[in-house]
Protein backbone atom coordinates (compact mmCIF):
# COMPACT_ATOMS: atom_id res chain seq x y z
CA MET A 1 -0.02 0.23 -0.29
CA GLY A 2 2.55 2.05 0.87
CA GLU A 3 4.47 1.72 -2.69
CA CYS A 4 0.75 2.59 -4.53
CA ARG A 5 0.45 5.68 -2.04
CA GLN A 6 3.65 7.17 -3.58
CA LYS A 7 2.85 6.52 -6.93
CA THR A 8 -0.66 8.55 -6.18
CA LEU A 9 1.34 11.17 -4.61
CA GLU A 10 3.64 11.35 -7.51
CA LEU A 11 0.83 12.46 -9.72
CA PHE A 12 0.19 15.82 -7.99
CA THR A 13 4.20 16.84 -8.58
CA ASN A 14 3.87 20.35 -9.63
CA ILE A 15 -0.01 20.60 -10.22
CA THR A 16 -1.23 23.73 -9.69
CA ASP A 17 -4.98 24.43 -7.81
CA GLU A 18 -6.39 25.46 -11.18
CA LEU A 19 -5.43 21.86 -12.55
CA PHE A 20 -6.28 20.34 -9.21
CA CYS A 21 -9.73 21.34 -9.09
CA GLN A 22 -10.95 21.71 -12.86
CA GLN A 23 -13.43 19.08 -14.86
CA ALA A 24 -11.19 18.41 -17.98
CA HIS A 25 -14.37 16.30 -19.34
CA PRO A 26 -18.38 15.56 -18.28
CA ASP A 27 -17.60 11.74 -17.68
CA PHE A 28 -14.83 12.54 -15.15
CA SER A 29 -14.24 14.53 -11.96
CA PRO A 30 -11.25 16.62 -11.24
CA ILE A 31 -8.12 14.85 -10.14
CA GLY A 32 -8.40 16.67 -6.97
CA TRP A 33 -11.96 14.94 -5.90
CA HIS A 34 -10.36 11.55 -6.91
CA LEU A 35 -7.22 12.47 -4.35
CA GLY A 36 -10.01 12.89 -1.46
CA HIS A 37 -12.26 9.97 -2.59
CA ILE A 38 -9.30 7.91 -2.37
CA ALA A 39 -9.08 9.06 1.43
CA TYR A 40 -12.51 8.87 2.08
CA THR A 41 -13.15 5.36 1.03
CA GLU A 42 -10.30 4.47 3.28
CA ALA A 43 -11.59 5.71 5.87
CA TYR A 44 -15.06 4.65 5.87
CA TRP A 45 -13.82 0.65 5.03
CA ILE A 46 -10.87 0.87 7.60
CA LEU A 47 -11.55 3.15 10.37
CA GLU A 48 -15.43 3.14 10.51
CA LYS A 49 -16.01 -0.51 9.30
CA CYS A 50 -13.35 -2.40 10.82
CA ALA A 51 -11.89 -0.44 13.44
CA GLY A 52 -15.46 0.76 14.30
CA LEU A 53 -14.20 4.46 14.64
CA SER A 54 -16.62 7.35 14.41
CA THR A 55 -16.45 9.38 11.10
CA GLN A 56 -14.32 12.19 10.95
CA PHE A 57 -14.23 15.23 8.38
CA THR A 58 -18.01 14.79 8.19
CA GLN A 59 -17.84 17.83 5.81
CA TYR A 60 -16.50 15.45 3.02
CA ASN A 61 -19.59 12.96 3.65
CA ARG A 62 -21.37 14.29 0.84
CA LEU A 63 -18.26 15.92 -1.10
CA PHE A 64 -16.25 12.69 -1.51
CA ASN A 65 -19.04 10.33 -1.55
CA ALA A 66 -18.97 8.63 -5.27
CA SER A 67 -23.09 8.99 -5.02
CA GLY A 68 -22.77 12.40 -3.00
CA LEU A 69 -22.67 14.91 -6.08
CA PRO A 70 -22.85 15.25 -9.74
CA LYS A 71 -19.66 15.01 -11.52
CA PHE A 72 -19.74 18.83 -12.61
CA GLU A 73 -20.92 19.72 -8.71
CA ARG A 74 -17.20 18.39 -7.75
CA GLN A 75 -15.30 21.54 -9.06
CA ASN A 76 -15.34 23.09 -5.49
CA LEU A 77 -12.56 21.55 -3.52
CA PRO A 78 -10.34 22.03 -0.83
CA SER A 79 -6.81 23.37 -1.73
CA ILE A 80 -4.18 20.45 -2.24
CA GLU A 81 -2.77 21.17 1.15
CA ILE A 82 -5.73 20.23 3.03
CA ILE A 83 -6.62 17.42 1.16
CA PHE A 84 -2.80 16.27 1.19
CA ASP A 85 -3.51 16.53 4.99
CA TYR A 86 -6.41 14.43 4.85
CA LEU A 87 -4.95 11.85 2.92
CA ASP A 88 -1.99 11.65 5.13
CA THR A 89 -4.24 12.02 8.70
CA ILE A 90 -6.28 8.95 7.56
CA ARG A 91 -3.22 7.01 6.34
CA THR A 92 -1.95 7.66 9.35
CA GLN A 93 -4.89 5.99 11.52
CA VAL A 94 -4.97 3.29 8.88
CA PHE A 95 -1.36 2.14 9.73
CA ALA A 96 -1.78 2.29 13.58
CA TYR A 97 -4.88 -0.01 13.23
CA LEU A 98 -2.75 -2.33 10.54
CA GLU A 99 -0.71 -3.35 13.93
CA LYS A 100 -3.74 -4.87 15.38
CA ALA A 101 -6.05 -5.66 12.44
CA PRO A 102 -7.05 -9.38 12.42
CA LEU A 103 -6.08 -9.85 8.66
CA GLU A 104 -6.84 -13.64 8.28
CA LYS A 105 -10.52 -11.85 8.21
CA GLN A 106 -9.39 -8.71 6.42
CA GLU A 107 -7.20 -9.66 3.61
CA ARG A 108 -9.23 -9.45 0.55
CA LEU A 109 -10.67 -5.70 1.41
CA TRP A 110 -6.84 -4.52 2.02
CA TYR A 111 -6.37 -5.69 -1.50
CA TRP A 112 -9.62 -4.53 -2.50
CA LEU A 113 -9.01 -0.93 -0.95
CA LEU A 114 -4.96 -1.02 -3.09
CA GLN A 115 -7.14 -1.82 -6.38
CA HIS A 116 -9.40 0.92 -5.55
CA GLU A 117 -6.60 3.62 -5.28
CA SER A 118 -4.74 1.89 -8.47
CA GLN A 119 -8.08 2.18 -10.49
CA HIS A 120 -8.47 5.95 -9.42
CA ASN A 121 -4.74 6.32 -10.39
CA GLU A 122 -5.41 5.33 -13.73
CA THR A 123 -8.77 7.76 -14.08
CA ILE A 124 -6.17 10.54 -12.61
CA ILE A 125 -3.61 9.76 -15.26
CA PHE A 126 -6.26 9.82 -18.06
CA VAL A 127 -7.49 13.45 -16.84
CA LEU A 128 -4.29 14.94 -16.59
CA GLN A 129 -3.69 13.72 -20.31
CA LEU A 130 -6.62 15.66 -21.05
CA LEU A 131 -5.74 18.60 -19.23
CA GLN A 132 -2.32 19.28 -20.06
CA ARG A 133 -1.77 17.74 -23.05
CA TRP A 134 -4.24 18.82 -25.36
CA GLU A 135 -2.77 22.10 -26.61
CA ASN A 136 0.02 20.26 -27.82
CA GLY A 137 -1.64 18.01 -29.83
CA PHE A 138 -2.90 15.58 -27.08
CA TYR A 139 0.67 13.29 -27.58
CA PRO A 140 4.30 13.76 -26.68
CA LYS A 141 7.10 13.72 -29.53
CA LEU A 142 8.07 10.33 -30.36
CA ASN A 143 11.89 10.43 -30.99
CA PHE A 144 11.84 6.20 -32.30
CA SER A 145 15.06 5.33 -34.23
CA SER A 146 14.63 3.84 -37.83
CA ASP A 147 15.08 0.37 -36.16
CA SER A 148 12.17 0.97 -33.70
CA PRO A 149 9.20 -1.17 -33.61
CA SER A 150 7.17 1.56 -35.22
CA THR A 151 8.88 1.42 -38.34
CA LYS A 152 8.62 -2.46 -39.01
CA THR A 153 6.24 -3.91 -41.05
CA LEU A 154 3.71 -6.10 -38.97
CA ASP A 155 2.94 -9.53 -39.39
CA GLN A 156 -1.04 -9.29 -39.88
CA THR A 157 -2.27 -12.84 -39.58
CA MET A 158 -4.73 -14.19 -37.07
CA VAL A 159 -4.13 -17.41 -34.77
CA GLU A 160 -6.45 -20.25 -34.40
CA ILE A 161 -7.91 -21.18 -30.97
CA PRO A 162 -9.04 -24.73 -30.81
CA ALA A 163 -12.23 -25.44 -29.65
CA GLY A 164 -12.22 -26.94 -25.96
CA VAL A 165 -12.59 -26.13 -22.46
CA PHE A 166 -10.93 -23.54 -20.49
CA GLU A 167 -11.01 -21.72 -17.14
CA MET A 168 -12.79 -18.45 -16.71
CA GLY A 169 -12.45 -16.01 -13.99
CA SER A 170 -10.30 -16.30 -10.66
CA ASN A 171 -11.03 -16.79 -6.98
CA HIS A 172 -7.44 -15.57 -6.41
CA LEU A 173 -7.53 -13.15 -2.91
CA GLU A 174 -6.70 -10.15 -5.14
CA SER A 175 -9.64 -10.85 -7.50
CA GLN A 176 -12.26 -8.34 -7.74
CA ASP A 177 -16.19 -9.90 -6.85
CA ASN A 178 -17.22 -9.74 -11.19
CA GLU A 179 -13.95 -11.62 -11.58
CA ARG A 180 -15.52 -14.54 -9.40
CA PRO A 181 -16.05 -17.53 -9.06
CA SER A 182 -13.76 -19.46 -11.62
CA HIS A 183 -15.68 -21.68 -13.78
CA GLN A 184 -15.23 -23.85 -16.81
CA ILE A 185 -16.43 -22.61 -20.42
CA TYR A 186 -16.53 -24.32 -23.77
CA LEU A 187 -15.79 -22.41 -26.65
CA GLY A 188 -15.72 -23.71 -30.45
CA SER A 189 -12.74 -22.76 -32.76
CA TYR A 190 -11.81 -19.35 -33.60
CA SER A 191 -9.33 -17.10 -34.88
CA LEU A 192 -8.23 -13.62 -33.24
CA ASP A 193 -5.95 -10.92 -34.38
CA ILE A 194 -2.29 -11.67 -32.75
CA TYR A 195 -1.93 -7.46 -32.49
CA PRO A 196 -4.53 -4.72 -31.48
CA VAL A 197 -5.60 -3.05 -34.48
CA THR A 198 -3.06 -0.21 -35.51
CA CYS A 199 -3.48 3.20 -36.10
CA LEU A 200 -1.95 2.54 -39.76
CA GLN A 201 -5.11 -0.52 -39.95
CA TYR A 202 -7.85 1.92 -38.94
CA ARG A 203 -6.70 4.25 -41.31
CA GLU A 204 -7.51 2.57 -44.11
CA PHE A 205 -10.99 2.43 -42.74
CA MET A 206 -11.04 5.74 -42.45
CA GLU A 207 -9.89 6.66 -46.01
CA SER A 208 -12.55 4.17 -47.55
CA GLU A 209 -15.16 6.46 -46.09
CA GLY A 210 -15.86 3.82 -43.10
CA TYR A 211 -17.62 6.31 -41.00
CA GLN A 212 -19.89 7.41 -44.02
CA LYS A 213 -20.89 3.69 -45.31
CA HIS A 214 -24.02 2.53 -43.45
CA GLN A 215 -23.51 -1.06 -44.19
CA PHE A 216 -20.76 -1.30 -41.70
CA TRP A 217 -22.62 0.13 -38.83
CA SER A 218 -25.06 -1.39 -36.17
CA ALA A 219 -28.33 -0.08 -35.88
CA GLU A 220 -27.45 1.43 -32.71
CA GLY A 221 -23.84 2.63 -34.16
CA TRP A 222 -25.02 3.97 -37.16
CA GLN A 223 -27.72 6.03 -34.65
CA TRP A 224 -24.95 7.31 -32.39
CA LEU A 225 -22.80 8.19 -35.43
CA GLN A 226 -25.34 10.72 -36.81
CA LYS A 227 -25.78 12.01 -33.31
CA ASN A 228 -22.23 12.57 -33.06
CA PRO A 229 -20.86 13.03 -36.79
CA VAL A 230 -17.01 12.21 -36.27
CA SER A 231 -14.72 10.58 -39.28
CA THR A 232 -11.63 10.17 -36.94
CA PRO A 233 -11.18 8.59 -33.25
CA LEU A 234 -11.36 11.01 -30.30
CA TYR A 235 -7.56 11.83 -30.07
CA TRP A 236 -6.27 11.05 -33.54
CA VAL A 237 -2.94 12.19 -34.69
CA ASP A 238 -2.45 12.18 -38.57
CA SER A 239 1.28 11.12 -38.77
CA SER A 240 3.19 7.97 -39.74
CA ASP A 241 5.04 7.94 -36.68
CA TRP A 242 1.88 6.38 -34.95
CA ASP A 243 1.43 3.73 -37.48
CA ASN A 244 2.15 0.49 -35.41
CA HIS A 245 0.43 1.92 -32.25
CA PRO A 246 -2.98 0.75 -31.20
CA VAL A 247 -5.76 2.94 -32.47
CA CYS A 248 -7.53 4.27 -29.35
CA GLY A 249 -10.06 6.99 -28.64
CA VAL A 250 -12.98 4.73 -30.67
CA SER A 251 -16.41 3.80 -29.36
CA TYR A 252 -17.73 0.22 -29.27
CA TYR A 253 -19.59 1.36 -31.90
CA GLU A 254 -16.28 2.58 -34.14
CA ALA A 255 -14.73 -0.63 -33.25
CA GLU A 256 -17.40 -2.70 -34.13
CA ALA A 257 -17.58 -0.81 -37.68
CA TYR A 258 -14.16 -1.47 -38.35
CA ALA A 259 -14.22 -5.33 -37.95
CA ASN A 260 -17.39 -5.28 -40.07
CA PHE A 261 -15.28 -3.58 -42.62
CA MET A 262 -12.79 -6.05 -42.08
CA SER A 263 -15.22 -9.18 -42.59
CA LYS A 264 -14.30 -9.67 -38.65
CA ARG A 265 -16.20 -9.32 -35.75
CA LEU A 266 -15.31 -8.15 -31.98
CA PRO A 267 -14.29 -10.97 -29.67
CA THR A 268 -16.30 -12.17 -26.59
CA GLU A 269 -14.90 -11.85 -23.36
CA ALA A 270 -14.72 -15.48 -23.42
CA GLU A 271 -12.67 -15.68 -26.27
CA TRP A 272 -10.39 -13.07 -25.43
CA GLU A 273 -9.65 -14.29 -21.80
CA LYS A 274 -8.88 -18.10 -23.06
CA ALA A 275 -6.47 -16.33 -25.77
CA ALA A 276 -5.12 -14.45 -23.09
CA SER A 277 -4.61 -16.95 -20.18
CA TRP A 278 -5.18 -20.65 -21.42
CA ASP A 279 -1.88 -23.04 -21.52
CA ILE A 280 -2.89 -25.87 -23.93
CA PHE A 281 -0.43 -27.91 -23.48
CA THR A 282 -0.47 -27.55 -19.63
CA GLN A 283 -4.47 -27.34 -19.50
CA GLN A 284 -3.82 -24.57 -16.81
CA LYS A 285 -4.69 -20.72 -16.65
CA GLN A 286 -1.96 -18.20 -16.68
CA SER A 287 -2.31 -15.01 -14.57
CA TYR A 288 -0.50 -12.97 -17.51
CA PRO A 289 0.15 -13.96 -20.97
CA TRP A 290 3.81 -14.53 -20.62
CA GLY A 291 3.03 -16.71 -17.44
CA ASN A 292 2.81 -16.24 -13.83
CA THR A 293 5.68 -13.84 -13.11
CA THR A 294 4.51 -10.31 -12.10
CA PRO A 295 4.54 -7.63 -14.68
CA ASN A 296 7.72 -5.80 -15.31
CA GLY A 297 9.02 -2.51 -17.33
CA GLN A 298 10.67 -5.48 -20.08
CA VAL A 299 7.35 -7.27 -20.56
CA CYS A 300 4.66 -5.01 -21.17
CA ASN A 301 3.80 -1.07 -21.12
CA PHE A 302 2.00 -0.20 -17.91
CA ASP A 303 1.90 1.70 -14.85
CA GLY A 304 3.01 4.96 -16.51
CA MET A 305 6.15 4.02 -17.41
CA VAL A 306 6.34 5.29 -20.84
CA GLY A 307 3.73 8.20 -20.51
CA HIS A 308 1.53 6.85 -24.07
CA THR A 309 0.83 4.01 -25.93
CA THR A 310 4.02 1.84 -27.85
CA PRO A 311 4.22 -0.21 -30.80
CA VAL A 312 2.21 -3.31 -30.52
CA ASN A 313 5.19 -5.43 -31.30
CA THR A 314 7.53 -3.66 -28.90
CA TYR A 315 7.01 -6.42 -26.07
CA GLN A 316 7.98 -9.69 -27.39
CA SER A 317 7.71 -11.39 -24.28
CA ASN A 318 4.10 -10.33 -24.07
CA CYS A 319 3.01 -13.31 -25.95
CA SER A 320 -0.12 -15.54 -25.05
CA PRO A 321 0.64 -19.65 -25.52
CA TYR A 322 -1.50 -19.23 -28.53
CA GLY A 323 0.72 -16.51 -29.95
CA CYS A 324 -1.23 -13.20 -29.43
CA TYR A 325 0.81 -10.04 -28.25
CA ASP A 326 0.23 -7.17 -26.33
CA MET A 327 -2.73 -8.58 -24.57
CA LEU A 328 -1.87 -6.36 -20.93
CA GLY A 329 -0.86 -2.94 -21.05
CA ASN A 330 -0.77 -0.44 -24.08
CA VAL A 331 -4.59 -0.32 -24.34
CA TRP A 332 -8.21 -1.17 -22.67
CA GLU A 333 -9.35 -3.58 -25.85
CA TRP A 334 -13.57 -3.41 -26.31
CA THR A 335 -15.10 -6.93 -26.31
CA ALA A 336 -18.58 -7.86 -27.65
CA SER A 337 -19.87 -8.75 -24.16
CA TRP A 338 -22.05 -6.93 -22.08
CA PHE A 339 -20.85 -7.05 -18.09
CA ARG A 340 -22.91 -9.34 -16.60
CA THR A 341 -22.88 -11.79 -13.88
CA TYR A 342 -21.20 -14.88 -13.47
CA GLN A 343 -23.07 -17.88 -11.98
CA GLY A 344 -22.75 -17.66 -8.30
CA PHE A 345 -21.71 -14.03 -8.09
CA LYS A 346 -21.70 -12.47 -4.73
CA SER A 347 -21.40 -8.87 -4.49
CA TYR A 348 -18.07 -7.40 -2.59
CA PRO A 349 -17.30 -5.24 -0.37
CA TYR A 350 -20.87 -3.60 -1.50
CA SER A 351 -23.29 -4.16 -4.21
CA GLY A 352 -22.78 -0.68 -5.93
CA TYR A 353 -19.33 -2.03 -6.56
CA SER A 354 -20.25 -4.12 -9.59
CA GLN A 355 -23.56 -5.08 -9.30
CA THR A 356 -25.22 -1.64 -9.94
CA TYR A 357 -23.54 -2.08 -13.53
CA PHE A 358 -24.89 -5.38 -14.63
CA ASP A 359 -27.59 -3.68 -16.28
CA ASP A 360 -26.55 -4.53 -20.19
CA GLN A 361 -25.83 -0.94 -21.00
CA HIS A 362 -21.94 -1.54 -20.60
CA ARG A 363 -19.55 -3.70 -22.63
CA VAL A 364 -16.43 -5.34 -21.32
CA LEU A 365 -12.94 -4.51 -21.98
CA ARG A 366 -10.28 -6.47 -20.98
CA GLY A 367 -6.34 -5.89 -20.92
CA GLY A 368 -5.20 -2.81 -18.98
CA SER A 369 -3.86 0.06 -20.83
CA TRP A 370 -0.15 2.03 -20.55
CA ALA A 371 -1.30 3.43 -17.22
CA THR A 372 -2.81 0.64 -15.78
CA ARG A 373 -1.18 -0.01 -12.17
CA PRO A 374 0.50 -3.27 -11.41
CA TRP A 375 -1.83 -4.53 -8.84
CA GLY A 376 -5.02 -4.36 -11.43
CA LEU A 377 -3.26 -5.86 -14.34
CA ARG A 378 -4.17 -9.45 -15.02
CA ASN A 379 -6.07 -11.75 -17.17
CA SER A 380 -9.03 -12.18 -15.54
CA PHE A 381 -9.55 -8.45 -14.56
CA ARG A 382 -12.84 -6.92 -16.13
CA ASN A 383 -13.44 -3.18 -17.09
CA TRP A 384 -16.56 -1.76 -18.18
CA TYR A 385 -17.78 1.16 -20.27
CA HIS A 386 -20.86 2.46 -22.16
CA PRO A 387 -20.44 1.84 -26.10
CA TRP A 388 -20.60 5.62 -26.94
CA VAL A 389 -17.38 6.23 -24.60
CA ARG A 390 -14.50 7.03 -26.79
CA GLN A 391 -11.73 7.22 -24.61
CA ILE A 392 -7.57 7.44 -24.89
CA LEU A 393 -6.84 4.48 -23.16
CA VAL A 394 -8.98 1.99 -25.11
CA GLY A 395 -8.66 0.16 -28.57
CA PHE A 396 -9.57 -3.41 -29.45
CA ARG A 397 -8.35 -6.05 -31.58
CA CYS A 398 -10.59 -8.25 -33.69
CA ALA A 399 -12.07 -12.01 -33.93
CA LYS A 400 -13.52 -14.52 -36.86
């Protein structure tokens, strides 16, 4: 928890009061709100629920409660210094309680809090990208050498995943409620792109007037497009320097239209997870595409180490047993699945964490992004968005 908190605080180095309180996008709260919410959540679950202490900082009960205020009303915040003090005060008391806490009964909750903070870190990183880089073309300048992965021709083939049973989900201590329980699923054979769809590939769709041709779009997707007339991904940079980077900033509808254009489709989340995790030779599930060793900067792009996407063929070790690359880190990937419960689901630590979103209005995303913290990076982790969301951390790959 100490390492995660240090990463959280580093995000606020040299942040001005204006950036701290500014809402960059209607769907996201100011970065300062996320910082206060992290402290509020830790205080509620550890100090109040576990330690039995009375509520402190009652003035924050509405401000930093996730269901307290609409996002556009969260800009009137205390100063950075005050919220830093709030965070430090709560953490000091939490660590004091940790010395006597019955961890054998609470361990799962502590893991949940670690991942909760990690997920808000990813949101903070995304919002900072919007706030600080928009006027500079959004992306930082790239300086790849002539023999870098960004300039190499990619093998655009697909790999065939044979039919069979595999283990989906996870019962591990760190697994979120929506990842549980682990269960067996049979899938017929299918093929999957070995890489996420790149900017170069997506440009072909754009240049073929894919945004103008009704036949590539679902009824819902075409309706969305008429209300939101766009012709490029949200953060598109028209430069060959980005050709082999994964396309991002596309909604589910855009990803679906591209797949139709290519006479393919989006994978289900079960198909995605099997391709990422199942070792057909050992008949066992892996935590990561490359095996069970924890992620590091040599195997994938995560944890904000690079600060943006990398070419999809950069990390040769980030390869699943079936031969699919870049399945963890770099960009989240849309799947065709609605976010639903697994049979036997039990909400934890409260129903609103996952259960509220089992409404057939959210599509599942898999894989993590370049901003995902290591504590939320694994093959079984499930993310979810409305299909119309266009987000810089999200791309996709196709199936057939």
